[in-house]
Every structure is written in structure tokens, then in C-alpha cells.
Amino acid sequence: MSLVFKHYNEALRIDPDHRGAHEYLGEAYLMVGNVAKAKEHLSVLDKLCFFPCDEFTDLKKAIATTRGSRSPDSCYRTPLRSAPEVRARAPLYARQRVANLDVHDPKS
């Protein structure tokens, strides 16, 4: 998961207003049980989305289903995303930027 956080934080460094990166980073925090950090990204999305946007709605639903669960991944009805799947959803320019950093996933 550390690579996931690294990639999405890099995406937000490049474009702090990227809604998709905020959503996916919030979901990643939920996967490790950090609801407070997920809510921080939801708050940012609330400010970025003048009208409700898909990213805000999806993260809000994910946070709502997490409440009261003891296991960080028990809130997901579908299997957790693997690192390659998460990277595939990363913004293209962030993936290109990270690729230029010569970062390698040991599982790849």
C-alpha cells in the first residue's frame, strides 16, 4: 500500500485539485482503516465539487459503509483492488511522472 500512497500523493503534488486522486487516496485510507484521513479527502472534494460529483459521492458512500466495521476491508462488498489495478486508475500524467522516477513494484 505504500506505493499507492506515494503515487496518489505525487498526483496531488502535480495537481492538488485532481478529484480522482482525492477519491482514490481516500479509498486507500479506508483500506488501511484510517477513516479520519479519508474524511479529510472527502472535505477537499466537497470544496472542489460545486455540485455533487461522482468522486465525492463514491467516497462518501465508502466512508458511510465503513462506520462501525472492525476490519478495514470489511466495508467492501467487492474484493480490494490490487496495486496494478489502483495504478491503472491513477491519472495518466501522474503515472507517466512516476514512471520517470524509476519506481518499481517488487510484485511486478
Foldseek 3Di string as FASTA:
>chain_A
DVVLLVLLVLVCVVPVLPLLSLLLNLLVCLLVPNNVSSVVSLVSVVVSDPDDDPSNVVSVQLSVLSPPDDHSPPSDPDDDDDPVVSLVSRDPVSNVVVVVVVDDDPVD
